[in-house]
Amino acid sequence: MTRPVLIGNASAFWGDSPDAAARLLESRPDLDFLTLDYLAEVSLSIMAIQREKNPEAGFAADFVEVVKSLLPFWQAGRKTKVVTNAGGLNPFGCASACAAVMRAAGHRASIGIVTGDNVLDDLKATSDSDAFRNLETGAPLADVHDRLVTANAYLGAGRAAEALRQGADIVVCGRLADPSLTVATASAHFGWAESDYDRSAAATIAGHLIECGTQVTGGISTHWMELSGQENLGFPIVELWDDGRFVVTKPDGTGGRVSEETVKEQLLYEMGDPGCYLSPDVTVSVLGLKIREVGRDRVEVRGARGSSPPPTYKVSATYRDGYRAEGMLTIVGPNAASRARRCGEIVIERMRAAGFSPRRSHIEALGSGDAVSGVLPRRDDLWECVLRVAVADPRRECVEYFTRQLAPLVTAGPAGVTGYASGRPPVRQVFGYWPCLMPVDRVEPALQILEV
């Protein structure tokens, strides 16, 4: 094939711009695929809480609204296909909700549903004390076994690509490795074999570059203030050829910038060993990449190299880890930072006097350098700052007691305490993160097709 496949990304996380997909298709009706990423590490814990309250929940409901926004384009004849991990803990529920929207509009479509990433039962059933140790600490799973909430393997592109090859218009997945959304589209479009590691590596890098949406078009760039059109940063597009080279770009008329700098910044984002970037589809080396600007907002990337993927899937598990709350007050006047810190100390001292010594506590005078402690020199000569106090503890009653200790500072603290209009801070559940590994042969990805 001489024409590249055109792949846009319209969501970097659950909560990203809800109209990005429609705006992308409006400006680039020639897109072959849209990918939408919704799942951060903590997202599935939030979905688990939602599903406890409502068994039909457990997915990114925002995606259903995206589907609704794309219906006019599809009904006008556009053929753009969509691949997403919005299914979360309930891919079938997400697909069914999308199907209901499409039926109501009289639109026929095929929805692929990829499952098999949920391995919570496997972790709960294990009796092997050495299995599923925490990748970061080496701690045994037994430490949190009885508090596990979710456990999901990062699947590769295989089943999603199969769904596209079978004619799916939308593919709804649970946990997929973020770049695998893009690998699935390219693999299905060009008919690549799973063992074609260099091409899969190229698609993985392309997916890595666009998975965070507008980050590659200037978002969080070190030169963000120099960008034009910051109110309308363009979502990214990759033009990917069969030989693995690709161009990163964005729609004309949108804000931001695609440059060698923004591409390299995003390339290194969440990158461990650049010679051994692990994904479920391929092990990637970016050491030989050639990156160059080939036009305005057009950056070419070539030279990806890949080898066989690791024999294990990474598993993202979460567990209940008590409760937390945080409160903030604004302190105005001379020596604001030192007075703010003393106010925070008073809150913790009152807790201890009442028999509640929190497992963890944190006091910050925001604006004085505390937010990046040790990086910037601390300043105490401020005339205003924001006091932030946070506590965490296994006992809900301990955290509840904390939430009642900030308000008294309005009258018992120093002059210049303000900002309590929002009331007592809420108590929230804490979910700990437990990364571990699972052999590939213990995970069984599955695919079903729902015809609308």
Protein backbone atom coordinates (compact mmCIF):
# COMPACT_ATOMS: atom_id res chain seq x y z
CA MET A 1 0.00 0.00 0.00
CA THR A 2 1.32 3.45 -0.87
CA ARG A 3 -1.23 5.48 1.11
CA PRO A 4 -0.57 5.80 4.84
CA VAL A 5 -3.19 4.86 7.39
CA LEU A 6 -4.46 7.95 9.23
CA ILE A 7 -4.94 7.50 12.97
CA GLY A 8 -6.10 10.24 15.33
CA ASN A 9 -6.29 10.23 19.10
CA ALA A 10 -9.17 12.04 20.80
CA SER A 11 -8.77 11.16 24.48
CA ALA A 12 -5.75 10.95 26.77
CA PHE A 13 -7.62 10.05 29.96
CA TRP A 14 -11.04 9.72 31.54
CA GLY A 15 -12.11 13.36 31.77
CA ASP A 16 -10.42 14.69 28.65
CA SER A 17 -12.21 17.05 26.25
CA PRO A 18 -15.58 15.41 25.43
CA ASP A 19 -15.91 17.03 22.01
CA ALA A 20 -12.39 16.27 20.78
CA ALA A 21 -13.46 13.31 18.65
CA ALA A 22 -16.13 15.27 16.80
CA ARG A 23 -13.76 18.19 16.30
CA LEU A 24 -11.12 15.87 14.87
CA LEU A 25 -13.54 14.35 12.37
CA GLU A 26 -14.91 17.75 11.45
CA SER A 27 -11.43 18.98 10.55
CA ARG A 28 -10.08 15.68 9.21
CA PRO A 29 -12.93 13.64 7.68
CA ASP A 30 -10.34 11.41 5.98
CA LEU A 31 -9.23 9.74 9.23
CA ASP A 32 -9.29 5.95 9.04
CA PHE A 33 -9.25 5.39 12.79
CA LEU A 34 -9.77 7.19 16.08
CA THR A 35 -8.27 5.90 19.31
CA LEU A 36 -9.52 7.00 22.72
CA ASP A 37 -7.66 6.18 25.93
CA TYR A 38 -9.55 6.40 29.23
CA LEU A 39 -7.69 4.26 31.74
CA ALA A 40 -5.08 5.59 34.17
CA GLU A 41 -3.83 3.31 36.95
CA VAL A 42 -6.53 4.43 39.40
CA SER A 43 -9.41 4.52 36.89
CA LEU A 44 -10.49 0.93 37.41
CA SER A 45 -10.73 1.46 41.18
CA ILE A 46 -13.18 4.30 40.58
CA MET A 47 -15.12 2.07 38.21
CA ALA A 48 -15.18 -0.69 40.84
CA ILE A 49 -16.81 1.68 43.32
CA GLN A 50 -19.36 2.70 40.69
CA ARG A 51 -20.13 -0.93 39.93
CA GLU A 52 -20.66 -1.71 43.62
CA LYS A 53 -23.47 0.85 43.56
CA ASN A 54 -24.77 -0.08 40.11
CA PRO A 55 -23.93 -3.46 38.49
CA GLU A 56 -24.49 -1.92 35.04
CA ALA A 57 -21.74 0.67 35.60
CA GLY A 58 -17.99 0.11 35.60
CA PHE A 59 -17.04 1.76 32.31
CA ALA A 60 -16.25 5.26 31.03
CA ALA A 61 -19.75 6.57 30.36
CA ASP A 62 -18.19 9.60 28.68
CA PHE A 63 -17.47 7.40 25.68
CA VAL A 64 -21.17 6.83 25.06
CA GLU A 65 -21.52 10.59 24.63
CA VAL A 66 -18.59 10.52 22.20
CA VAL A 67 -20.38 7.88 20.13
CA LYS A 68 -23.48 10.07 20.13
CA SER A 69 -21.40 13.01 18.88
CA LEU A 70 -19.96 10.92 16.03
CA LEU A 71 -23.30 9.63 14.76
CA PRO A 72 -23.86 12.56 12.36
CA PHE A 73 -20.51 11.86 10.71
CA TRP A 74 -21.21 8.15 10.29
CA GLN A 75 -24.73 8.81 9.05
CA ALA A 76 -23.24 11.18 6.47
CA GLY A 77 -21.10 8.34 5.14
CA ARG A 78 -17.83 8.70 7.03
CA LYS A 79 -16.07 5.37 7.58
CA THR A 80 -13.79 6.24 10.52
CA LYS A 81 -13.48 3.31 12.93
CA VAL A 82 -12.97 3.71 16.67
CA VAL A 83 -10.84 1.70 19.11
CA THR A 84 -11.02 2.43 22.84
CA ASN A 85 -10.36 0.99 26.30
CA ALA A 86 -13.45 2.76 27.66
CA GLY A 87 -14.91 -0.65 28.56
CA GLY A 88 -12.99 -0.62 31.83
CA LEU A 89 -14.39 -3.31 34.13
CA ASN A 90 -17.53 -3.75 32.04
CA PRO A 91 -16.82 -3.80 28.28
CA PHE A 92 -20.17 -5.49 27.61
CA GLY A 93 -22.02 -2.76 29.50
CA CYS A 94 -20.16 -0.07 27.57
CA ALA A 95 -20.85 -1.74 24.23
CA SER A 96 -24.52 -2.21 25.11
CA ALA A 97 -24.88 1.47 26.05
CA CYS A 98 -23.27 2.47 22.74
CA ALA A 99 -25.55 0.09 20.87
CA ALA A 100 -28.62 1.62 22.52
CA VAL A 101 -27.59 5.10 21.36
CA MET A 102 -27.01 3.87 17.82
CA ARG A 103 -30.29 1.95 17.65
CA ALA A 104 -32.18 5.02 18.83
CA ALA A 105 -30.63 6.94 15.93
CA GLY A 106 -31.41 4.17 13.45
CA HIS A 107 -27.73 3.56 12.73
CA ARG A 108 -26.43 0.07 12.01
CA ALA A 109 -22.95 -0.88 13.17
CA SER A 110 -20.76 -3.71 14.38
CA ILE A 111 -19.14 -3.45 17.82
CA GLY A 112 -16.21 -5.64 18.84
CA ILE A 113 -15.89 -6.40 22.55
CA VAL A 114 -12.47 -7.45 23.86
CA THR A 115 -12.31 -9.04 27.32
CA GLY A 116 -9.99 -11.31 29.28
CA ASP A 117 -7.90 -8.64 30.97
CA ASN A 118 -9.66 -9.04 34.34
CA VAL A 119 -7.44 -11.41 36.35
CA LEU A 120 -8.68 -10.53 39.83
CA ASP A 121 -9.88 -14.09 40.48
CA ASP A 122 -6.44 -15.44 39.58
CA LEU A 123 -4.73 -13.20 42.09
CA LYS A 124 -7.27 -13.98 44.79
CA ALA A 125 -6.94 -17.72 44.18
CA THR A 126 -3.15 -17.91 44.34
CA SER A 127 -1.48 -19.75 47.19
CA ASP A 128 2.04 -19.21 45.85
CA SER A 129 3.76 -16.80 48.21
CA ASP A 130 6.25 -15.78 45.51
CA ALA A 131 3.67 -15.09 42.81
CA PHE A 132 2.55 -11.58 41.96
CA ARG A 133 5.11 -9.76 44.08
CA ASN A 134 4.98 -5.98 43.88
CA LEU A 135 7.26 -4.88 41.04
CA GLU A 136 8.33 -1.73 42.89
CA THR A 137 8.82 -3.01 46.44
CA GLY A 138 9.16 -6.79 46.13
CA ALA A 139 6.49 -7.22 48.80
CA PRO A 140 4.40 -10.43 48.69
CA LEU A 141 0.79 -10.30 47.53
CA ALA A 142 -0.23 -11.71 50.91
CA ASP A 143 0.26 -8.21 52.34
CA VAL A 144 -2.82 -6.95 50.49
CA HIS A 145 -4.52 -10.15 49.32
CA ASP A 146 -7.68 -9.70 51.38
CA ARG A 147 -8.05 -6.06 50.29
CA LEU A 148 -7.76 -6.47 46.50
CA VAL A 149 -10.29 -4.52 44.46
CA THR A 150 -9.14 -4.83 40.84
CA ALA A 151 -6.47 -6.67 38.87
CA ASN A 152 -6.18 -6.23 35.12
CA ALA A 153 -3.54 -7.40 32.68
CA TYR A 154 -2.34 -5.00 30.00
CA LEU A 155 -3.42 -6.91 26.90
CA GLY A 156 -1.87 -6.44 23.48
CA ALA A 157 -3.41 -5.55 20.15
CA GLY A 158 -4.32 -9.06 18.98
CA ARG A 159 -8.04 -9.33 19.70
CA ALA A 160 -8.74 -5.67 18.87
CA ALA A 161 -7.03 -6.10 15.49
CA GLU A 162 -9.04 -9.26 14.91
CA ALA A 163 -12.25 -7.34 15.61
CA LEU A 164 -11.31 -4.75 12.99
CA ARG A 165 -10.46 -7.45 10.47
CA GLN A 166 -13.92 -8.92 11.08
CA GLY A 167 -15.48 -5.58 10.18
CA ALA A 168 -16.09 -3.96 13.56
CA ASP A 169 -16.84 -0.24 13.38
CA ILE A 170 -16.15 0.28 17.09
CA VAL A 171 -13.90 -1.86 19.29
CA VAL A 172 -14.53 -1.60 23.03
CA CYS A 173 -11.83 -3.05 25.25
CA GLY A 174 -11.01 -3.28 28.91
CA ARG A 175 -7.39 -2.79 29.90
CA LEU A 176 -5.13 -2.64 26.84
CA ALA A 177 -1.61 -1.29 26.82
CA ASP A 178 -2.06 2.31 25.68
CA PRO A 179 0.03 2.01 22.47
CA SER A 180 -1.75 -1.23 21.57
CA LEU A 181 -4.82 0.77 20.55
CA THR A 182 -2.75 2.15 17.68
CA VAL A 183 -0.98 -1.14 16.98
CA ALA A 184 -4.38 -2.79 16.51
CA THR A 185 -5.46 -0.26 13.89
CA ALA A 186 -2.23 -0.45 11.88
CA SER A 187 -1.99 -4.22 12.12
CA ALA A 188 -5.54 -4.69 10.88
CA HIS A 189 -5.19 -2.09 8.14
CA PHE A 190 -1.96 -3.44 6.66
CA GLY A 191 -2.40 -7.11 7.54
CA TRP A 192 0.81 -7.31 9.55
CA ALA A 193 1.79 -10.57 11.21
CA GLU A 194 2.21 -10.52 14.98
CA SER A 195 5.85 -11.55 14.43
CA ASP A 196 6.59 -8.50 12.26
CA TYR A 197 8.31 -6.86 15.17
CA ASP A 198 9.88 -3.84 13.47
CA ARG A 199 6.52 -2.70 12.10
CA SER A 200 4.82 -3.39 15.43
CA ALA A 201 7.56 -1.38 17.12
CA ALA A 202 6.87 1.55 14.80
CA ALA A 203 3.15 1.43 15.56
CA THR A 204 3.91 1.13 19.27
CA ILE A 205 6.03 4.28 19.16
CA ALA A 206 3.34 6.05 17.14
CA GLY A 207 0.76 4.97 19.71
CA HIS A 208 2.99 6.09 22.56
CA LEU A 209 3.34 9.51 20.96
CA ILE A 210 -0.39 10.13 20.52
CA GLU A 211 -1.84 8.22 23.49
CA CYS A 212 -1.65 11.31 25.73
CA GLY A 213 -3.54 13.48 23.28
CA THR A 214 -2.41 17.08 23.19
CA GLN A 215 0.81 16.43 25.11
CA VAL A 216 2.54 15.80 21.77
CA THR A 217 1.07 18.97 20.26
CA GLY A 218 2.46 21.22 22.98
CA GLY A 219 0.57 20.34 26.15
CA ILE A 220 2.85 20.43 29.25
CA SER A 221 5.73 21.39 26.96
CA THR A 222 8.58 23.33 28.52
CA HIS A 223 7.75 26.07 26.00
CA TRP A 224 3.98 26.00 26.51
CA MET A 225 3.79 29.75 27.11
CA GLU A 226 5.21 30.37 23.64
CA LEU A 227 2.46 28.41 21.88
CA SER A 228 -0.30 30.10 19.94
CA GLY A 229 -3.88 28.92 20.25
CA GLN A 230 -3.49 27.45 23.73
CA GLU A 231 -7.27 27.50 24.12
CA ASN A 232 -7.64 25.03 21.24
CA LEU A 233 -4.66 22.68 21.17
CA GLY A 234 -5.03 20.29 18.26
CA PHE A 235 -5.37 16.59 19.01
CA PRO A 236 -2.69 14.49 17.31
CA ILE A 237 -2.75 12.46 14.12
CA VAL A 238 -0.22 9.95 12.82
CA GLU A 239 0.16 9.13 9.16
CA LEU A 240 1.67 5.65 9.25
CA TRP A 241 3.06 3.83 6.21
CA ASP A 242 3.31 0.08 5.71
CA ASP A 243 7.10 0.17 6.08
CA GLY A 244 6.82 1.63 9.60
CA ARG A 245 7.77 5.25 9.01
CA PHE A 246 5.23 7.78 10.16
CA VAL A 247 4.51 11.48 10.48
CA VAL A 248 3.03 13.11 13.58
CA THR A 249 0.79 16.08 12.82
CA LYS A 250 -2.40 17.86 13.88
CA PRO A 251 -5.37 19.47 12.10
CA ASP A 252 -4.79 22.76 10.32
CA GLY A 253 -6.17 25.76 12.15
CA THR A 254 -5.75 24.30 15.63
CA GLY A 255 -3.48 25.62 18.35
CA GLY A 256 -0.26 24.24 19.65
CA ARG A 257 2.71 22.93 17.75
CA VAL A 258 4.11 19.65 16.46
CA SER A 259 7.87 19.97 16.38
CA GLU A 260 10.94 17.84 16.88
CA GLU A 261 10.98 19.13 20.44
CA THR A 262 7.36 18.24 21.32
CA VAL A 263 7.75 14.79 19.77
CA LYS A 264 10.95 14.06 21.68
CA GLU A 265 9.41 15.32 24.91
CA GLN A 266 6.50 12.92 24.53
CA LEU A 267 8.74 10.08 23.35
CA LEU A 268 10.59 10.18 26.68
CA TYR A 269 7.37 10.45 28.71
CA GLU A 270 7.05 7.38 30.98
CA MET A 271 10.01 5.82 29.18
CA GLY A 272 12.20 3.45 31.18
CA ASP A 273 15.03 1.77 29.28
CA PRO A 274 14.98 3.35 25.79
CA GLY A 275 16.63 0.25 24.39
CA CYS A 276 14.08 -2.08 25.93
CA TYR A 277 10.63 -0.48 26.05
CA LEU A 278 8.30 -3.34 26.95
CA SER A 279 4.80 -3.77 25.57
CA PRO A 280 2.61 -6.86 25.23
CA ASP A 281 3.03 -6.72 21.44
CA VAL A 282 6.75 -6.15 21.08
CA THR A 283 9.94 -5.11 22.84
CA VAL A 284 10.95 -1.76 21.35
CA SER A 285 14.25 0.04 20.98
CA VAL A 286 14.06 3.78 20.30
CA LEU A 287 17.83 4.21 20.29
CA GLY A 288 18.08 4.30 16.50
CA LEU A 289 15.10 6.54 15.82
CA LYS A 290 15.49 9.34 13.31
CA ILE A 291 13.21 12.30 14.05
CA ARG A 292 13.04 15.34 11.79
CA GLU A 293 10.65 18.13 10.90
CA VAL A 294 9.37 17.74 7.33
CA GLY A 295 6.93 20.65 7.26
CA ARG A 296 4.87 22.95 9.42
CA ASP A 297 3.49 20.85 12.30
CA ARG A 298 4.78 17.70 10.60
CA VAL A 299 7.46 15.51 12.19
CA GLU A 300 8.67 12.30 10.58
CA VAL A 301 9.79 9.36 12.73
CA ARG A 302 11.58 6.32 11.31
CA GLY A 303 14.03 3.64 12.35
CA ALA A 304 12.01 1.75 14.96
CA ARG A 305 13.36 -1.65 15.91
CA GLY A 306 11.50 -4.42 17.65
CA SER A 307 12.01 -7.90 19.04
CA SER A 308 9.77 -10.50 20.65
CA PRO A 309 7.52 -9.31 23.49
CA PRO A 310 8.16 -10.36 27.10
CA PRO A 311 6.71 -13.69 28.33
CA THR A 312 4.62 -11.90 30.95
CA TYR A 313 1.85 -9.35 31.01
CA LYS A 314 2.08 -6.44 33.38
CA VAL A 315 -0.86 -6.48 35.78
CA SER A 316 -2.22 -3.33 37.38
CA ALA A 317 -3.92 -4.28 40.65
CA THR A 318 -5.42 -2.04 43.31
CA TYR A 319 -6.37 -2.63 46.92
CA ARG A 320 -8.21 -0.78 49.66
CA ASP A 321 -5.72 1.21 51.71
CA GLY A 322 -7.80 3.18 54.19
CA TYR A 323 -9.04 6.75 53.95
CA ARG A 324 -7.71 10.21 53.28
CA ALA A 325 -8.79 13.83 53.32
CA GLU A 326 -7.15 17.13 52.55
CA GLY A 327 -8.10 20.68 53.35
CA MET A 328 -6.83 24.08 52.28
CA LEU A 329 -6.94 27.58 53.72
CA THR A 330 -5.53 30.83 52.37
CA ILE A 331 -3.19 32.72 54.69
CA VAL A 332 -2.69 36.44 54.02
CA GLY A 333 -0.25 38.83 55.68
CA PRO A 334 3.43 39.05 56.67
CA ASN A 335 5.30 35.76 57.12
CA ALA A 336 2.35 33.94 55.60
CA ALA A 337 4.25 30.70 54.95
CA SER A 338 5.53 30.21 58.50
CA ARG A 339 2.11 31.05 59.94
CA ALA A 340 0.50 28.59 57.54
CA ARG A 341 2.83 25.78 58.57
CA ARG A 342 2.15 26.47 62.24
CA CYS A 343 -1.58 26.24 61.55
CA GLY A 344 -1.03 22.86 59.93
CA GLU A 345 0.99 21.66 62.91
CA ILE A 346 -1.83 22.71 65.24
CA VAL A 347 -4.30 20.54 63.31
CA ILE A 348 -2.10 17.45 63.70
CA GLU A 349 -1.37 18.24 67.36
CA ARG A 350 -5.10 18.45 68.10
CA MET A 351 -5.63 15.09 66.43
CA ARG A 352 -2.94 13.45 68.53
CA ALA A 353 -4.32 15.00 71.70
CA ALA A 354 -7.67 13.38 70.88
CA GLY A 355 -6.06 9.96 70.37
CA PHE A 356 -5.92 10.11 66.59
CA SER A 357 -2.34 9.93 65.34
CA PRO A 358 -2.73 9.55 61.57
CA ARG A 359 -0.61 6.98 59.78
CA ARG A 360 0.49 9.67 57.35
CA SER A 361 0.20 13.45 57.43
CA HIS A 362 1.50 16.18 55.19
CA ILE A 363 1.67 19.97 55.58
CA GLU A 364 2.45 22.34 52.73
CA ALA A 365 2.59 26.12 52.36
CA LEU A 366 1.85 26.26 48.65
CA GLY A 367 3.64 29.11 46.96
CA SER A 368 6.72 28.83 49.16
CA GLY A 369 8.39 25.98 47.31
CA ASP A 370 6.83 23.13 49.31
CA ALA A 371 5.04 21.61 46.30
CA VAL A 372 8.44 20.69 44.83
CA SER A 373 10.33 20.40 48.09
CA GLY A 374 14.06 20.02 47.62
CA VAL A 375 13.94 21.31 44.05
CA LEU A 376 13.30 25.00 44.67
CA PRO A 377 14.63 26.96 47.65
CA ARG A 378 11.97 27.48 50.29
CA ARG A 379 10.68 31.05 50.62
CA ASP A 380 9.20 32.36 53.83
CA ASP A 381 8.92 36.05 52.88
CA LEU A 382 5.47 35.66 51.32
CA TRP A 383 2.46 37.89 51.87
CA GLU A 384 0.04 35.14 50.90
CA CYS A 385 0.07 31.39 50.45
CA VAL A 386 -2.27 28.40 50.57
CA LEU A 387 -2.04 26.01 53.49
CA ARG A 388 -2.69 22.41 52.48
CA VAL A 389 -2.96 19.70 55.12
CA ALA A 390 -3.60 16.06 54.24
CA VAL A 391 -3.91 12.93 56.36
CA ALA A 392 -4.37 9.24 55.63
CA ASP A 393 -5.24 6.44 58.01
CA PRO A 394 -6.90 2.99 58.01
CA ARG A 395 -9.53 4.34 60.44
CA ARG A 396 -12.28 6.39 58.89
CA GLU A 397 -13.06 7.99 62.25
CA CYS A 398 -9.50 9.32 62.44
CA VAL A 399 -9.83 11.03 59.08
CA GLU A 400 -13.32 12.27 59.96
CA TYR A 401 -11.88 13.92 63.06
CA PHE A 402 -9.30 15.70 60.92
CA THR A 403 -11.99 17.21 58.70
CA ARG A 404 -13.42 19.04 61.73
CA GLN A 405 -10.14 20.66 62.76
CA LEU A 406 -9.59 23.17 59.95
CA ALA A 407 -12.58 25.44 60.50
CA PRO A 408 -11.60 26.46 64.07
CA LEU A 409 -8.46 28.08 62.64
CA VAL A 410 -10.64 30.80 61.12
CA THR A 411 -11.13 32.26 64.60
CA ALA A 412 -8.38 30.53 66.63
CA GLY A 413 -5.57 30.90 64.12
CA PRO A 414 -3.49 33.93 63.17
CA ALA A 415 -4.86 37.01 61.47
CA GLY A 416 -5.42 36.61 57.77
CA VAL A 417 -6.89 33.09 57.66
CA THR A 418 -9.53 32.85 54.94
CA GLY A 419 -10.87 30.57 52.24
CA TYR A 420 -13.14 28.23 54.19
CA ALA A 421 -16.23 28.84 52.07
CA SER A 422 -16.13 25.31 50.62
CA GLY A 423 -16.76 23.76 54.04
CA ARG A 424 -15.34 20.59 55.53
CA PRO A 425 -13.17 18.48 53.24
CA PRO A 426 -14.68 15.15 52.18
CA VAL A 427 -13.32 11.79 53.32
CA ARG A 428 -12.25 9.60 50.42
CA GLN A 429 -11.26 5.97 50.12
CA VAL A 430 -7.61 5.33 49.29
CA PHE A 431 -6.62 2.69 46.77
CA GLY A 432 -3.08 1.40 46.77
CA TYR A 433 -1.38 0.44 43.52
CA TRP A 434 0.03 -3.07 43.11
CA PRO A 435 1.94 -3.67 39.87
CA CYS A 436 2.96 -7.26 39.21
CA LEU A 437 3.56 -9.76 36.40
CA MET A 438 1.54 -12.71 35.10
CA PRO A 439 2.67 -15.29 32.53
CA VAL A 440 1.07 -14.67 29.14
CA ASP A 441 -0.25 -18.23 28.96
CA ARG A 442 -2.40 -17.64 32.06
CA VAL A 443 -4.39 -14.86 30.38
CA GLU A 444 -7.00 -15.59 27.72
CA PRO A 445 -8.09 -12.53 25.70
CA ALA A 446 -11.49 -13.02 24.09
CA LEU A 447 -13.53 -11.32 21.38
CA GLN A 448 -17.24 -11.07 20.77
CA ILE A 449 -19.07 -9.11 18.09
CA LEU A 450 -22.29 -7.23 18.80
CA GLU A 451 -24.35 -6.33 15.74
CA VAL A 452 -26.49 -3.22 16.08
